[in-house]
């Protein structure tokens, strides 16, 4: 029985994580200051889920980055492809340009 080696402890479940950004983990990766290691550890928990997918042929977790739901693929299309669609949005405003001098040359 490989129930305990599958994502979330269930067997026969396939999960596709569709992210607007090019890398997974959203706010955990981009929004948590490096001086908060206890919060950043959540990234390790997510990574462990992806690593477990090789342990089972009955379940999988897949990541698709650089996909803007609603612009590149309509929500109705996702609803026709999946049994369940969960939309989880973070703060979209953080990616907006401020139009201030030096904005394009700042590093960090």
PDB file of N, CA and C in Angstrom:
ATOM      1  N   UNK A   1       0.847  -1.193   0.000  1.00  0.00           N
ATOM      2  CA  UNK A   1       0.000   0.000   0.000  1.00  0.00           C
ATOM      3  C   UNK A   1       0.883   1.243   0.000  1.00  0.00           C
ATOM      4  N   UNK A   2       0.766   2.042  -1.065  1.00  0.00           N
ATOM      5  CA  UNK A   2       1.604   3.253  -1.150  1.00  0.00           C
ATOM      6  C   UNK A   2       0.827   4.509  -0.784  1.00  0.00           C
ATOM      7  N   UNK A   3      -0.251   4.363  -0.043  1.00  0.00           N
ATOM      8  CA  UNK A   3      -1.079   5.494   0.340  1.00  0.00           C
ATOM      9  C   UNK A   3      -0.273   6.559   1.070  1.00  0.00           C
ATOM     10  N   UNK A   4       0.657   6.157   1.905  1.00  0.00           N
ATOM     11  CA  UNK A   4       1.396   7.132   2.705  1.00  0.00           C
ATOM     12  C   UNK A   4       2.517   7.818   1.933  1.00  0.00           C
ATOM     13  N   UNK A   5       2.846   7.348   0.742  1.00  0.00           N
ATOM     14  CA  UNK A   5       3.930   7.966  -0.012  1.00  0.00           C
ATOM     15  C   UNK A   5       3.411   8.913  -1.098  1.00  0.00           C
ATOM     16  N   UNK A   6       2.106   9.102  -1.174  1.00  0.00           N
ATOM     17  CA  UNK A   6       1.534   9.952  -2.206  1.00  0.00           C
ATOM     18  C   UNK A   6       1.278  11.347  -1.657  1.00  0.00           C
ATOM     19  N   UNK A   7       1.100  12.341  -2.543  1.00  0.00           N
ATOM     20  CA  UNK A   7       0.843  13.696  -2.072  1.00  0.00           C
ATOM     21  C   UNK A   7      -0.349  13.734  -1.116  1.00  0.00           C
ATOM     22  N   UNK A   8      -0.177  14.365   0.003  1.00  0.00           N
ATOM     23  CA  UNK A   8      -1.212  14.552   1.008  1.00  0.00           C
ATOM     24  C   UNK A   8      -1.719  13.239   1.596  1.00  0.00           C
ATOM     25  N   UNK A   9      -1.043  12.125   1.339  1.00  0.00           N
ATOM     26  CA  UNK A   9      -1.433  10.854   1.906  1.00  0.00           C
ATOM     27  C   UNK A   9      -2.590  10.173   1.196  1.00  0.00           C
ATOM     28  N   UNK A  10      -2.996  10.664   0.030  1.00  0.00           N
ATOM     29  CA  UNK A  10      -4.076  10.062  -0.733  1.00  0.00           C
ATOM     30  C   UNK A  10      -3.515   9.344  -1.949  1.00  0.00           C
ATOM     31  N   UNK A  11      -4.224   8.365  -2.424  1.00  0.00           N
ATOM     32  CA  UNK A  11      -3.807   7.634  -3.614  1.00  0.00           C
ATOM     33  C   UNK A  11      -4.748   7.939  -4.763  1.00  0.00           C
ATOM     34  N   UNK A  12      -4.207   8.026  -5.982  1.00  0.00           N
ATOM     35  CA  UNK A  12      -5.030   8.239  -7.161  1.00  0.00           C
ATOM     36  C   UNK A  12      -5.421   9.682  -7.403  1.00  0.00           C
ATOM     37  N   UNK A  13      -4.634  10.624  -6.873  1.00  0.00           N
ATOM     38  CA  UNK A  13      -4.951  12.043  -7.049  1.00  0.00           C
ATOM     39  C   UNK A  13      -3.825  12.702  -7.834  1.00  0.00           C
ATOM     40  N   UNK A  14      -4.199  13.407  -8.884  1.00  0.00           N
ATOM     41  CA  UNK A  14      -3.246  14.179  -9.676  1.00  0.00           C
ATOM     42  C   UNK A  14      -3.534  15.656  -9.457  1.00  0.00           C
ATOM     43  N   UNK A  15      -2.471  16.416  -9.152  1.00  0.00           N
ATOM     44  CA  UNK A  15      -2.601  17.844  -8.872  1.00  0.00           C
ATOM     45  C   UNK A  15      -1.732  18.606  -9.860  1.00  0.00           C
ATOM     46  N   UNK A  16      -2.319  19.583 -10.527  1.00  0.00           N
ATOM     47  CA  UNK A  16      -1.581  20.494 -11.389  1.00  0.00           C
ATOM     48  C   UNK A  16      -1.610  21.869 -10.747  1.00  0.00           C
ATOM     49  N   UNK A  17      -0.437  22.390 -10.428  1.00  0.00           N
ATOM     50  CA  UNK A  17      -0.305  23.711  -9.839  1.00  0.00           C
ATOM     51  C   UNK A  17       0.037  24.673 -10.970  1.00  0.00           C
ATOM     52  N   UNK A  18      -0.852  25.608 -11.238  1.00  0.00           N
ATOM     53  CA  UNK A  18      -0.671  26.572 -12.319  1.00  0.00           C
ATOM     54  C   UNK A  18      -0.380  27.920 -11.678  1.00  0.00           C
ATOM     55  N   UNK A  19       0.765  28.495 -12.020  1.00  0.00           N
ATOM     56  CA  UNK A  19       1.252  29.709 -11.361  1.00  0.00           C
ATOM     57  C   UNK A  19       1.544  30.787 -12.395  1.00  0.00           C
ATOM     58  N   UNK A  20       1.159  32.013 -12.081  1.00  0.00           N
ATOM     59  CA  UNK A  20       1.425  33.155 -12.966  1.00  0.00           C
ATOM     60  C   UNK A  20       2.920  33.467 -13.036  1.00  0.00           C
ATOM     61  N   UNK A  21       3.625  33.243 -11.936  1.00  0.00           N
ATOM     62  CA  UNK A  21       5.064  33.509 -11.893  1.00  0.00           C
ATOM     63  C   UNK A  21       5.832  32.303 -12.428  1.00  0.00           C
ATOM     64  N   UNK A  22       7.109  32.487 -12.790  1.00  0.00           N
ATOM     65  CA  UNK A  22       7.869  31.385 -13.393  1.00  0.00           C
ATOM     66  C   UNK A  22       8.288  30.284 -12.421  1.00  0.00           C
ATOM     67  N   UNK A  23       8.230  30.553 -11.119  1.00  0.00           N
ATOM     68  CA  UNK A  23       8.649  29.558 -10.130  1.00  0.00           C
ATOM     69  C   UNK A  23       7.526  29.324  -9.123  1.00  0.00           C
ATOM     70  N   UNK A  24       7.503  28.158  -8.493  1.00  0.00           N
ATOM     71  CA  UNK A  24       6.436  27.867  -7.537  1.00  0.00           C
ATOM     72  C   UNK A  24       6.622  28.564  -6.191  1.00  0.00           C
ATOM     73  N   UNK A  25       5.624  28.443  -5.355  1.00  0.00           N
ATOM     74  CA  UNK A  25       5.594  28.851  -3.953  1.00  0.00           C
ATOM     75  C   UNK A  25       5.192  30.301  -3.735  1.00  0.00           C
ATOM     76  N   UNK A  26       4.904  31.060  -4.762  1.00  0.00           N
ATOM     77  CA  UNK A  26       4.331  32.398  -4.650  1.00  0.00           C
ATOM     78  C   UNK A  26       4.869  33.251  -3.527  1.00  0.00           C
ATOM     79  N   UNK A  27       3.972  33.636  -2.616  1.00  0.00           N
ATOM     80  CA  UNK A  27       4.318  34.552  -1.537  1.00  0.00           C
ATOM     81  C   UNK A  27       5.417  34.006  -0.637  1.00  0.00           C
ATOM     82  N   UNK A  28       5.470  32.702  -0.466  1.00  0.00           N
ATOM     83  CA  UNK A  28       6.511  32.124   0.377  1.00  0.00           C
ATOM     84  C   UNK A  28       7.886  32.449  -0.190  1.00  0.00           C
ATOM     85  N   UNK A  29       8.014  32.389  -1.514  1.00  0.00           N
ATOM     86  CA  UNK A  29       9.310  32.657  -2.143  1.00  0.00           C
ATOM     87  C   UNK A  29       9.565  34.153  -2.299  1.00  0.00           C
ATOM     88  N   UNK A  30       8.560  34.912  -2.684  1.00  0.00           N
ATOM     89  CA  UNK A  30       8.770  36.314  -3.038  1.00  0.00           C
ATOM     90  C   UNK A  30       8.395  37.300  -1.941  1.00  0.00           C
ATOM     91  N   UNK A  31       7.575  36.887  -0.987  1.00  0.00           N
ATOM     92  CA  UNK A  31       7.039  37.858  -0.054  1.00  0.00           C
ATOM     93  C   UNK A  31       7.515  37.740   1.372  1.00  0.00           C
ATOM     94  N   UNK A  32       8.336  36.746   1.687  1.00  0.00           N
ATOM     95  CA  UNK A  32       8.788  36.560   3.063  1.00  0.00           C
ATOM     96  C   UNK A  32      10.237  37.006   3.173  1.00  0.00           C
ATOM     97  N   UNK A  33      10.489  37.867   4.124  1.00  0.00           N
ATOM     98  CA  UNK A  33      11.845  38.377   4.325  1.00  0.00           C
ATOM     99  C   UNK A  33      12.785  37.247   4.740  1.00  0.00           C
ATOM    100  N   UNK A  34      14.046  37.315   4.293  1.00  0.00           N
ATOM    101  CA  UNK A  34      14.998  36.250   4.612  1.00  0.00           C
ATOM    102  C   UNK A  34      15.283  36.109   6.102  1.00  0.00           C
ATOM    103  N   UNK A  35      14.928  37.109   6.913  1.00  0.00           N
ATOM    104  CA  UNK A  35      15.174  37.000   8.346  1.00  0.00           C
ATOM    105  C   UNK A  35      14.023  36.304   9.082  1.00  0.00           C
ATOM    106  N   UNK A  36      13.138  35.657   8.322  1.00  0.00           N
ATOM    107  CA  UNK A  36      12.041  34.878   8.909  1.00  0.00           C
ATOM    108  C   UNK A  36      12.185  33.413   8.492  1.00  0.00           C
ATOM    109  N   UNK A  37      13.219  32.723   8.967  1.00  0.00           N
ATOM    110  CA  UNK A  37      13.471  31.353   8.518  1.00  0.00           C
ATOM    111  C   UNK A  37      12.350  30.379   8.861  1.00  0.00           C
ATOM    112  N   UNK A  38      11.642  30.629   9.974  1.00  0.00           N
ATOM    113  CA  UNK A  38      10.574  29.700  10.335  1.00  0.00           C
ATOM    114  C   UNK A  38       9.433  29.742   9.321  1.00  0.00           C
ATOM    115  N   UNK A  39       9.216  30.889   8.694  1.00  0.00           N
ATOM    116  CA  UNK A  39       8.186  31.004   7.657  1.00  0.00           C
ATOM    117  C   UNK A  39       8.724  30.456   6.340  1.00  0.00           C
ATOM    118  N   UNK A  40       9.978  30.727   6.049  1.00  0.00           N
ATOM    119  CA  UNK A  40      10.584  30.222   4.815  1.00  0.00           C
ATOM    120  C   UNK A  40      10.631  28.693   4.788  1.00  0.00           C
ATOM    121  N   UNK A  41      10.583  28.046   5.952  1.00  0.00           N
ATOM    122  CA  UNK A  41      10.588  26.583   5.987  1.00  0.00           C
ATOM    123  C   UNK A  41       9.373  25.987   5.288  1.00  0.00           C
ATOM    124  N   UNK A  42       8.337  26.770   5.115  1.00  0.00           N
ATOM    125  CA  UNK A  42       7.155  26.300   4.383  1.00  0.00           C
ATOM    126  C   UNK A  42       7.552  25.931   2.956  1.00  0.00           C
ATOM    127  N   UNK A  43       8.518  26.657   2.400  1.00  0.00           N
ATOM    128  CA  UNK A  43       9.005  26.332   1.052  1.00  0.00           C
ATOM    129  C   UNK A  43       9.539  24.903   1.010  1.00  0.00           C
ATOM    130  N   UNK A  44      10.222  24.487   2.065  1.00  0.00           N
ATOM    131  CA  UNK A  44      10.728  23.111   2.134  1.00  0.00           C
ATOM    132  C   UNK A  44       9.582  22.106   2.170  1.00  0.00           C
ATOM    133  N   UNK A  45       8.502  22.457   2.850  1.00  0.00           N
ATOM    134  CA  UNK A  45       7.343  21.566   2.915  1.00  0.00           C
ATOM    135  C   UNK A  45       6.718  21.393   1.532  1.00  0.00           C
ATOM    136  N   UNK A  46       6.606  22.484   0.787  1.00  0.00           N
ATOM    137  CA  UNK A  46       6.086  22.398  -0.583  1.00  0.00           C
ATOM    138  C   UNK A  46       7.011  21.547  -1.449  1.00  0.00           C
ATOM    139  N   UNK A  47       8.302  21.779  -1.344  1.00  0.00           N
ATOM    140  CA  UNK A  47       9.269  21.016  -2.141  1.00  0.00           C
ATOM    141  C   UNK A  47       9.160  19.527  -1.847  1.00  0.00           C
ATOM    142  N   UNK A  48       8.918  19.172  -0.601  1.00  0.00           N
ATOM    143  CA  UNK A  48       8.783  17.764  -0.232  1.00  0.00           C
ATOM    144  C   UNK A  48       7.606  17.116  -0.947  1.00  0.00           C
ATOM    145  N   UNK A  49       6.530  17.877  -1.153  1.00  0.00           N
ATOM    146  CA  UNK A  49       5.387  17.334  -1.892  1.00  0.00           C
ATOM    147  C   UNK A  49       5.777  16.991  -3.326  1.00  0.00           C
ATOM    148  N   UNK A  50       6.545  17.878  -3.972  1.00  0.00           N
ATOM    149  CA  UNK A  50       6.979  17.612  -5.345  1.00  0.00           C
ATOM    150  C   UNK A  50       7.941  16.429  -5.397  1.00  0.00           C
ATOM    151  N   UNK A  51       8.780  16.295  -4.383  1.00  0.00           N
ATOM    152  CA  UNK A  51       9.735  15.190  -4.349  1.00  0.00           C
ATOM    153  C   UNK A  51       9.054  13.843  -4.149  1.00  0.00           C
ATOM    154  N   UNK A  52       7.924  13.821  -3.474  1.00  0.00           N
ATOM    155  CA  UNK A  52       7.212  12.567  -3.221  1.00  0.00           C
ATOM    156  C   UNK A  52       6.563  12.004  -4.475  1.00  0.00           C
ATOM    157  N   UNK A  53       6.374  12.833  -5.507  1.00  0.00           N
ATOM    158  CA  UNK A  53       5.643  12.342  -6.670  1.00  0.00           C
ATOM    159  C   UNK A  53       6.347  11.179  -7.352  1.00  0.00           C
ATOM    160  N   UNK A  54       7.657  11.063  -7.238  1.00  0.00           N
ATOM    161  CA  UNK A  54       8.371   9.949  -7.845  1.00  0.00           C
ATOM    162  C   UNK A  54       8.183   8.629  -7.108  1.00  0.00           C
ATOM    163  N   UNK A  55       7.629   8.697  -5.909  1.00  0.00           N
ATOM    164  CA  UNK A  55       7.445   7.504  -5.099  1.00  0.00           C
ATOM    165  C   UNK A  55       6.167   6.745  -5.440  1.00  0.00           C
ATOM    166  N   UNK A  56       5.296   7.330  -6.237  1.00  0.00           N
ATOM    167  CA  UNK A  56       4.019   6.684  -6.516  1.00  0.00           C
ATOM    168  C   UNK A  56       3.669   6.800  -7.984  1.00  0.00           C
ATOM    169  N   UNK A  57       3.109   5.741  -8.516  1.00  0.00           N
ATOM    170  CA  UNK A  57       2.600   5.792  -9.887  1.00  0.00           C
ATOM    171  C   UNK A  57       1.115   6.106  -9.872  1.00  0.00           C
ATOM    172  N   UNK A  58       0.515   6.214  -8.697  1.00  0.00           N
ATOM    173  CA  UNK A  58      -0.913   6.434  -8.581  1.00  0.00           C
ATOM    174  C   UNK A  58      -1.291   7.897  -8.418  1.00  0.00           C
ATOM    175  N   UNK A  59      -0.344   8.766  -8.093  1.00  0.00           N
ATOM    176  CA  UNK A  59      -0.619  10.176  -7.862  1.00  0.00           C
ATOM    177  C   UNK A  59       0.520  11.016  -8.412  1.00  0.00           C
ATOM    178  N   UNK A  60       0.221  12.304  -8.658  1.00  0.00           N
ATOM    179  CA  UNK A  60       1.278  13.191  -9.144  1.00  0.00           C
ATOM    180  C   UNK A  60       0.966  14.635  -8.789  1.00  0.00           C
ATOM    181  N   UNK A  61       2.031  15.434  -8.723  1.00  0.00           N
ATOM    182  CA  UNK A  61       1.918  16.882  -8.601  1.00  0.00           C
ATOM    183  C   UNK A  61       2.783  17.460  -9.715  1.00  0.00           C
ATOM    184  N   UNK A  62       2.179  18.320 -10.541  1.00  0.00           N
ATOM    185  CA  UNK A  62       2.891  18.945 -11.655  1.00  0.00           C
ATOM    186  C   UNK A  62       2.828  20.448 -11.510  1.00  0.00           C
ATOM    187  N   UNK A  63       3.894  21.132 -11.901  1.00  0.00           N
ATOM    188  CA  UNK A  63       3.952  22.590 -11.852  1.00  0.00           C
ATOM    189  C   UNK A  63       4.004  23.159 -13.264  1.00  0.00           C
ATOM    190  N   UNK A  64       3.148  24.159 -13.521  1.00  0.00           N
ATOM    191  CA  UNK A  64       3.139  24.879 -14.794  1.00  0.00           C
ATOM    192  C   UNK A  64       3.267  26.370 -14.481  1.00  0.00           C
ATOM    193  N   UNK A  65       4.445  26.922 -14.755  1.00  0.00           N
ATOM    194  CA  UNK A  65       4.704  28.328 -14.470  1.00  0.00           C
ATOM    195  C   UNK A  65       4.520  29.214 -15.678  1.00  0.00           C
ATOM    196  N   UNK A  66       4.489  30.531 -15.428  1.00  0.00           N
ATOM    197  CA  UNK A  66       4.292  31.546 -16.471  1.00  0.00           C
ATOM    198  C   UNK A  66       2.952  31.380 -17.180  1.00  0.00           C
ATOM    199  N   UNK A  67       1.934  30.999 -16.432  1.00  0.00           N
ATOM    200  CA  UNK A  67       0.594  30.841 -17.000  1.00  0.00           C
ATOM    201  C   UNK A  67      -0.339  31.799 -16.269  1.00  0.00           C
ATOM    202  N   UNK A  68      -0.928  32.713 -17.002  1.00  0.00           N
ATOM    203  CA  UNK A  68      -1.835  33.699 -16.426  1.00  0.00           C
ATOM    204  C   UNK A  68      -3.268  33.266 -16.710  1.00  0.00           C
ATOM    205  N   UNK A  69      -3.892  32.646 -15.699  1.00  0.00           N
ATOM    206  CA  UNK A  69      -5.268  32.167 -15.861  1.00  0.00           C
ATOM    207  C   UNK A  69      -6.185  33.366 -16.110  1.00  0.00           C
ATOM    208  N   UNK A  70      -6.999  33.236 -17.107  1.00  0.00           N
ATOM    209  CA  UNK A  70      -7.905  34.320 -17.484  1.00  0.00           C
ATOM    210  C   UNK A  70      -7.387  35.115 -18.669  1.00  0.00           C
ATOM    211  N   UNK A  71      -6.085  35.075 -18.885  1.00  0.00           N
ATOM    212  CA  UNK A  71      -5.488  35.755 -20.039  1.00  0.00           C
ATOM    213  C   UNK A  71      -4.959  34.740 -21.046  1.00  0.00           C
ATOM    214  N   UNK A  72      -4.131  33.805 -20.569  1.00  0.00           N
ATOM    215  CA  UNK A  72      -3.550  32.805 -21.468  1.00  0.00           C
ATOM    216  C   UNK A  72      -4.427  31.568 -21.599  1.00  0.00           C
ATOM    217  N   UNK A  73      -5.189  31.285 -20.571  1.00  0.00           N
ATOM    218  CA  UNK A  73      -6.123  30.163 -20.612  1.00  0.00           C
ATOM    219  C   UNK A  73      -7.376  30.583 -19.845  1.00  0.00           C
ATOM    220  N   UNK A  74      -8.535  30.440 -20.466  1.00  0.00           N
ATOM    221  CA  UNK A  74      -9.761  30.849 -19.783  1.00  0.00           C
ATOM    222  C   UNK A  74     -10.107  29.913 -18.622  1.00  0.00           C
ATOM    223  N   UNK A  75     -10.704  30.463 -17.588  1.00  0.00           N
ATOM    224  CA  UNK A  75     -11.141  29.656 -16.455  1.00  0.00           C
ATOM    225  C   UNK A  75     -12.090  28.561 -16.924  1.00  0.00           C
ATOM    226  N   UNK A  76     -12.943  28.862 -17.869  1.00  0.00           N
ATOM    227  CA  UNK A  76     -13.901  27.866 -18.366  1.00  0.00           C
ATOM    228  C   UNK A  76     -13.189  26.655 -18.968  1.00  0.00           C
ATOM    229  N   UNK A  77     -12.028  26.868 -19.590  1.00  0.00           N
ATOM    230  CA  UNK A  77     -11.250  25.760 -20.149  1.00  0.00           C
ATOM    231  C   UNK A  77     -10.719  24.868 -19.025  1.00  0.00           C
ATOM    232  N   UNK A  78     -10.190  25.489 -17.967  1.00  0.00           N
ATOM    233  CA  UNK A  78      -9.703  24.709 -16.829  1.00  0.00           C
ATOM    234  C   UNK A  78     -10.841  23.907 -16.204  1.00  0.00           C
ATOM    235  N   UNK A  79     -12.006  24.532 -16.089  1.00  0.00           N
ATOM    236  CA  UNK A  79     -13.154  23.845 -15.497  1.00  0.00           C
ATOM    237  C   UNK A  79     -13.594  22.650 -16.341  1.00  0.00           C
ATOM    238  N   UNK A  80     -13.357  22.721 -17.642  1.00  0.00           N
ATOM    239  CA  UNK A  80     -13.716  21.586 -18.495  1.00  0.00           C
ATOM    240  C   UNK A  80     -12.667  20.469 -18.448  1.00  0.00           C
ATOM    241  N   UNK A  81     -11.446  20.800 -18.036  1.00  0.00           N
ATOM    242  CA  UNK A  81     -10.359  19.819 -18.002  1.00  0.00           C
ATOM    243  C   UNK A  81     -10.194  19.122 -16.654  1.00  0.00           C
ATOM    244  N   UNK A  82     -10.649  19.759 -15.577  1.00  0.00           N
ATOM    245  CA  UNK A  82     -10.404  19.265 -14.227  1.00  0.00           C
ATOM    246  C   UNK A  82     -11.708  18.999 -13.487  1.00  0.00           C
ATOM    247  N   UNK A  83     -11.655  18.045 -12.546  1.00  0.00           N
ATOM    248  CA  UNK A  83     -12.798  17.786 -11.675  1.00  0.00           C
ATOM    249  C   UNK A  83     -12.988  18.917 -10.671  1.00  0.00           C
ATOM    250  N   UNK A  84     -11.872  19.477 -10.189  1.00  0.00           N
ATOM    251  CA  UNK A  84     -11.908  20.554  -9.204  1.00  0.00           C
ATOM    252  C   UNK A  84     -10.894  21.620  -9.622  1.00  0.00           C
ATOM    253  N   UNK A  85     -11.297  22.887  -9.543  1.00  0.00           N
ATOM    254  CA  UNK A  85     -10.391  24.011  -9.801  1.00  0.00           C
ATOM    255  C   UNK A  85     -10.437  24.918  -8.580  1.00  0.00           C
ATOM    256  N   UNK A  86      -9.279  25.152  -7.986  1.00  0.00           N
ATOM    257  CA  UNK A  86      -9.178  26.049  -6.835  1.00  0.00           C
ATOM    258  C   UNK A  86      -8.356  27.249  -7.271  1.00  0.00           C
ATOM    259  N   UNK A  87      -8.915  28.440  -7.113  1.00  0.00           N
ATOM    260  CA  UNK A  87      -8.206  29.670  -7.459  1.00  0.00           C
ATOM    261  C   UNK A  87      -7.695  30.314  -6.173  1.00  0.00           C
ATOM    262  N   UNK A  88      -6.400  30.537  -6.106  1.00  0.00           N
ATOM    263  CA  UNK A  88      -5.791  31.167  -4.936  1.00  0.00           C
ATOM    264  C   UNK A  88      -4.948  32.333  -5.434  1.00  0.00           C
ATOM    265  N   UNK A  89      -5.426  33.525  -5.186  1.00  0.00           N
ATOM    266  CA  UNK A  89      -4.755  34.722  -5.668  1.00  0.00           C
ATOM    267  C   UNK A  89      -4.038  35.431  -4.547  1.00  0.00           C
ATOM    268  N   UNK A  90      -2.836  35.877  -4.842  1.00  0.00           N
ATOM    269  CA  UNK A  90      -2.096  36.709  -3.904  1.00  0.00           C
ATOM    270  C   UNK A  90      -2.301  38.163  -4.267  1.00  0.00           C
ATOM    271  N   UNK A  91      -1.415  38.982  -3.810  1.00  0.00           N
ATOM    272  CA  UNK A  91      -1.479  40.418  -4.084  1.00  0.00           C
ATOM    273  C   UNK A  91      -0.921  40.694  -5.474  1.00  0.00           C
ATOM    274  N   UNK A  92      -1.783  40.985  -6.404  1.00  0.00           N
ATOM    275  CA  UNK A  92      -1.358  41.268  -7.774  1.00  0.00           C
ATOM    276  C   UNK A  92      -0.722  42.648  -7.892  1.00  0.00           C
ATOM    277  N   UNK A  93      -1.087  43.577  -7.027  1.00  0.00           N
ATOM    278  CA  UNK A  93      -0.603  44.951  -7.130  1.00  0.00           C
ATOM    279  C   UNK A  93       0.902  45.068  -6.913  1.00  0.00           C
ATOM    280  N   UNK A  94       1.511  44.107  -6.241  1.00  0.00           N
ATOM    281  CA  UNK A  94       2.938  44.181  -5.932  1.00  0.00           C
ATOM    282  C   UNK A  94       3.794  44.144  -7.192  1.00  0.00           C
ATOM    283  N   UNK A  95       3.267  43.637  -8.295  1.00  0.00           N
ATOM    284  CA  UNK A  95       4.029  43.546  -9.533  1.00  0.00           C
ATOM    285  C   UNK A  95       3.857  44.770 -10.429  1.00  0.00           C
ATOM    286  N   UNK A  96       3.083  45.743  -9.998  1.00  0.00           N
ATOM    287  CA  UNK A  96       2.829  46.916 -10.842  1.00  0.00           C
ATOM    288  C   UNK A  96       4.017  47.875 -10.791  1.00  0.00           C
ATOM    289  N   UNK A  97       4.243  48.514 -11.907  1.00  0.00           N
ATOM    290  CA  UNK A  97       5.307  49.505 -12.005  1.00  0.00           C
ATOM    291  C   UNK A  97       4.907  50.774 -11.267  1.00  0.00           C
ATOM    292  N   UNK A  98       5.906  51.425 -10.670  1.00  0.00           N
ATOM    293  CA  UNK A  98       5.667  52.655  -9.930  1.00  0.00           C
ATOM    294  C   UNK A  98       5.949  53.898 -10.769  1.00  0.00           C
ATOM    295  N   UNK A  99       6.646  53.694 -11.909  1.00  0.00           N
ATOM    296  CA  UNK A  99       7.017  54.804 -12.799  1.00  0.00           C
ATOM    297  C   UNK A  99       7.813  55.878 -12.063  1.00  0.00           C
ATOM    298  N   UNK A 100       8.854  55.447 -11.347  1.00  0.00           N
ATOM    299  CA  UNK A 100       9.736  56.378 -10.648  1.00  0.00           C
ATOM    300  C   UNK A 100      11.134  56.275 -11.253  1.00  0.00           C
ATOM    301  N   UNK A 101      11.911  57.332 -11.199  1.00  0.00           N
ATOM    302  CA  UNK A 101      13.269  57.294 -11.759  1.00  0.00           C
ATOM    303  C   UNK A 101      14.093  56.204 -11.109  1.00  0.00           C
ATOM    304  N   UNK A 102      14.822  55.435 -11.938  1.00  0.00           N
ATOM    305  CA  UNK A 102      15.701  54.382 -11.471  1.00  0.00           C
ATOM    306  C   UNK A 102      15.024  53.044 -11.276  1.00  0.00           C
ATOM    307  N   UNK A 103      13.728  52.976 -11.494  1.00  0.00           N
ATOM    308  CA  UNK A 103      12.995  51.735 -11.267  1.00  0.00           C
ATOM    309  C   UNK A 103      13.531  50.566 -12.081  1.00  0.00           C
ATOM    310  N   UNK A 104      13.968  50.823 -13.294  1.00  0.00           N
ATOM    311  CA  UNK A 104      14.463  49.750 -14.164  1.00  0.00           C
ATOM    312  C   UNK A 104      15.899  49.351 -13.863  1.00  0.00           C
ATOM    313  N   UNK A 105      16.610  50.135 -13.080  1.00  0.00           N
ATOM    314  CA  UNK A 105      18.018  49.845 -12.826  1.00  0.00           C
ATOM    315  C   UNK A 105      18.298  49.346 -11.421  1.00  0.00           C
ATOM    316  N   UNK A 106      17.277  49.286 -10.574  1.00  0.00           N
ATOM    317  CA  UNK A 106      17.464  48.808  -9.204  1.00  0.00           C
ATOM    318  C   UNK A 106      17.744  47.323  -9.201  1.00  0.00           C
ATOM    319  N   UNK A 107      18.634  46.886  -8.322  1.00  0.00           N
ATOM    320  CA  UNK A 107      18.941  45.469  -8.180  1.00  0.00           C
ATOM    321  C   UNK A 107      18.570  45.027  -6.773  1.00  0.00           C
ATOM    322  N   UNK A 108      18.250  43.743  -6.662  1.00  0.00           N
ATOM    323  CA  UNK A 108      17.998  43.230  -5.327  1.00  0.00           C
ATOM    324  C   UNK A 108      16.705  42.512  -5.209  1.00  0.00           C
TER     325      UNK A 108
END
